[in-house]
Protein backbone atom coordinates (compact mmCIF):
# COMPACT_ATOMS: atom_id res chain seq x y z
CA MET A 1 -13.19 10.88 22.65
CA LYS A 2 -12.03 12.74 19.57
CA ASP A 3 -10.73 10.69 16.64
CA ASN A 4 -7.42 12.22 15.57
CA PHE A 5 -7.05 10.25 12.35
CA THR A 6 -6.41 11.96 9.06
CA ALA A 7 -8.07 10.20 6.14
CA ILE A 8 -6.53 9.66 2.71
CA ALA A 9 -8.52 7.61 0.18
CA TYR A 10 -7.38 6.05 -3.08
CA PRO A 11 -9.55 3.99 -5.37
CA THR A 12 -7.91 1.29 -7.41
CA GLY A 13 -8.30 0.99 -11.14
CA THR A 14 -6.38 0.99 -14.35
CA SER A 15 -5.04 4.52 -14.13
CA PHE A 16 -2.12 5.62 -12.00
CA SER A 17 -0.44 8.98 -11.99
CA LEU A 18 2.43 9.78 -9.71
CA ALA A 19 5.37 11.91 -10.63
CA LYS A 20 7.19 10.46 -13.66
CA VAL A 21 10.31 9.84 -11.65
CA SER A 22 8.64 7.59 -9.06
CA THR A 23 6.74 5.67 -11.76
CA LYS A 24 9.94 5.06 -13.71
CA VAL A 25 11.80 4.05 -10.55
CA PHE A 26 9.07 1.57 -9.58
CA MET A 27 8.72 0.12 -13.05
CA ALA A 28 12.52 -0.36 -13.27
CA LEU A 29 12.42 -2.14 -9.90
CA ALA A 30 9.45 -4.23 -10.94
CA ILE A 31 11.20 -5.33 -14.12
CA ALA A 32 14.47 -5.98 -12.31
CA PHE A 33 12.74 -8.23 -9.77
CA SER A 34 10.25 -9.75 -12.20
CA LEU A 35 7.26 -8.31 -10.39
CA SER A 36 4.06 -7.80 -12.32
CA VAL A 37 1.74 -4.87 -11.85
CA SER A 38 -1.82 -5.88 -11.12
CA ALA A 39 -4.57 -3.69 -12.59
CA ASN A 40 -6.75 -4.60 -9.61
CA ALA A 41 -4.35 -3.07 -7.12
CA GLN A 42 -3.36 0.29 -8.54
CA PRO A 43 -4.28 3.38 -6.57
CA THR A 44 -5.32 6.46 -8.42
CA ALA A 45 -3.43 9.40 -7.01
CA GLN A 46 -5.08 12.75 -6.62
CA SER A 47 -4.31 15.54 -9.06
CA GLY A 48 -0.55 15.43 -8.64
CA ASN A 49 -0.36 19.02 -9.87
CA SER A 50 0.54 20.79 -6.64
CA ARG A 51 4.15 21.44 -5.78
CA ALA A 52 3.77 19.32 -2.62
CA ASP A 53 2.65 16.33 -4.70
CA ARG A 54 5.75 16.58 -6.87
CA VAL A 55 8.28 16.65 -4.00
CA GLN A 56 9.60 13.10 -3.73
CA VAL A 57 11.61 11.57 -0.90
CA PRO A 58 13.44 8.25 -0.91
CA ALA A 59 11.89 5.49 1.10
CA ILE A 60 12.13 1.73 1.48
CA VAL A 61 9.28 -0.64 0.72
CA TYR A 62 9.49 -4.40 1.28
CA LEU A 63 8.35 -6.43 -1.67
CA PRO A 64 8.09 -10.22 -1.90
CA ASP A 65 10.46 -12.23 -4.05
CA VAL A 66 9.07 -14.14 -7.02
CA GLN A 67 8.38 -17.26 -4.91
CA LEU A 68 6.66 -15.16 -2.20
CA GLN A 69 9.05 -16.63 0.40
CA ARG A 70 10.86 -13.53 1.65
CA LEU A 71 10.55 -9.77 1.58
CA ALA A 72 13.34 -7.72 0.02
CA PRO A 73 13.85 -4.01 0.69
CA GLN A 74 13.52 -1.77 -2.38
CA GLU A 75 14.32 1.94 -2.47
CA VAL A 76 11.55 3.94 -4.08
CA ALA A 77 10.48 7.57 -4.30
CA VAL A 78 7.32 8.54 -2.46
CA ALA A 79 5.50 11.87 -2.23
CA ALA A 80 6.86 13.79 0.71
CA ASN A 81 3.38 14.82 1.80
CA ARG A 82 1.93 11.27 1.75
CA PRO A 83 4.72 8.68 2.16
CA VAL A 84 2.51 6.07 3.86
CA THR A 85 -0.17 6.17 1.15
CA ASP A 86 2.41 6.00 -1.64
CA ALA A 87 4.29 3.12 0.01
CA VAL A 88 1.08 1.08 0.43
CA GLY A 89 0.18 1.87 -3.17
CA LYS A 90 3.54 0.54 -4.42
CA ILE A 91 3.03 -2.66 -2.43
CA LEU A 92 -0.43 -3.12 -3.91
CA GLN A 93 0.93 -2.53 -7.40
CA ALA A 94 3.53 -5.19 -6.92
CA TYR A 95 1.14 -7.71 -5.34
CA ARG A 96 0.47 -10.33 -7.96
CA GLY A 97 -1.33 -12.91 -5.87
CA GLN A 98 -4.88 -14.07 -5.82
CA ASN A 99 -7.46 -11.49 -6.85
CA VAL A 100 -9.76 -10.81 -3.92
CA GLY A 101 -11.51 -7.82 -5.45
CA ILE A 102 -9.69 -4.90 -3.83
CA ALA A 103 -11.49 -1.91 -5.40
CA GLY A 104 -9.53 0.67 -3.46
CA TYR A 105 -8.15 1.59 -0.10
CA ASN A 106 -8.01 4.44 2.31
CA ILE A 107 -5.63 5.18 5.10
CA LYS A 108 -6.27 7.03 8.32
CA ILE A 109 -3.24 8.11 10.32
CA ASN A 110 -3.35 9.22 13.92
CA PRO A 111 -0.25 11.40 14.28
CA SER A 112 -0.37 11.41 18.08
CA THR A 113 -0.40 7.62 18.46
CA HIS A 114 1.49 6.87 15.21
CA GLU A 115 -1.24 4.39 14.22
CA ALA A 116 -2.27 3.67 10.65
CA ARG A 117 -5.64 2.18 9.84
CA ILE A 118 -5.63 0.72 6.38
CA ASN A 119 -9.09 0.08 4.99
CA PHE A 120 -9.43 -2.13 1.90
CA ILE A 121 -12.55 -1.50 -0.12
CA ILE A 122 -13.68 -4.96 -1.20
CA LYS A 123 -16.24 -5.59 -3.94
CA ASP A 124 -17.11 -9.05 -2.56
CA PRO A 125 -20.06 -9.05 -0.07
CA ARG A 126 -18.02 -11.26 2.24
CA GLY A 127 -15.77 -8.30 2.99
CA ALA A 128 -12.70 -9.27 5.08
CA GLU A 129 -13.52 -12.98 4.74
CA VAL A 130 -12.07 -12.92 1.25
CA PHE A 131 -8.63 -12.43 2.77
CA GLU A 132 -8.98 -15.73 4.65
CA SER A 133 -9.22 -17.47 1.25
CA LEU A 134 -5.72 -16.25 0.37
CA SER A 135 -2.93 -18.78 0.66
CA GLY A 136 -0.43 -18.22 3.46
CA ALA A 137 2.14 -17.07 0.89
CA ASN A 138 -0.25 -14.50 -0.57
CA GLN A 139 -1.25 -13.25 2.89
CA TYR A 140 2.46 -12.84 3.66
CA ALA A 141 3.13 -11.07 0.33
CA LEU A 142 0.42 -8.54 0.99
CA PHE A 143 0.03 -7.97 4.72
CA GLU A 144 3.57 -8.63 5.96
CA ALA A 145 4.96 -6.46 3.15
CA ILE A 146 2.78 -3.59 4.41
CA ARG A 147 3.62 -4.26 8.06
CA GLN A 148 7.38 -4.55 7.52
CA THR A 149 7.47 -1.48 5.29
CA LEU A 150 5.54 0.84 7.56
CA LEU A 151 6.91 -0.36 10.88
CA SER A 152 10.60 -0.50 9.94
CA GLN A 153 11.20 2.91 8.38
CA SER A 154 11.23 6.16 10.30
CA VAL A 155 10.07 8.15 7.29
CA TYR A 156 6.60 6.62 7.73
CA ASN A 157 6.42 7.42 11.48
CA ILE A 158 4.09 4.44 12.16
CA ASP A 159 4.18 2.24 15.26
CA GLN A 160 0.93 0.32 14.86
CA ILE A 161 -1.17 -0.92 11.91
CA THR A 162 -4.79 -1.95 11.92
CA PHE A 163 -6.39 -3.51 8.82
CA THR A 164 -10.06 -3.18 7.99
CA ALA A 165 -12.19 -4.26 5.05
CA ASN A 166 -15.19 -2.13 4.15
CA GLY A 167 -14.71 -0.47 7.55
CA LYS A 168 -14.71 -3.66 9.66
CA PRO A 169 -11.51 -4.73 11.46
CA PHE A 170 -9.93 -8.07 10.72
CA ASP A 171 -6.74 -9.84 11.69
CA ILE A 172 -4.51 -11.90 9.47
């Protein structure tokens, strides 16, 4: 059976380059909601020089409150040609929980089934087991923020999400 997924990969690191508008919007939101940006969870966008990369569309991402008790919708700008990848990147930027060594992530989207496979690249040899060490609040802040964001907004066109770590599925 043919795999209809389209892959998009983004390593994390200390550099991050999206259009200036989306960065400013996100930083203003982060400051307004007292969210910190974690250097361990920042995706590095591709060149950002093409016209398609500069076209931004409004979207909603769900970010946890300071106490990690509830998710609040935040309007952000995402690249029109990769809204899912940008939305996940914004959630990872805002995640300020326990460091589990996320070195990057990639997303495969199957447009016919509307499924997103989000693969976290983990430095730790335990792979997905590192997520089990997260507190319930940190699991909620990371995974439920991604789920609620991608499943609740039509701009993302996602009906199902599968998480993997270093290519191996896991469930939280």
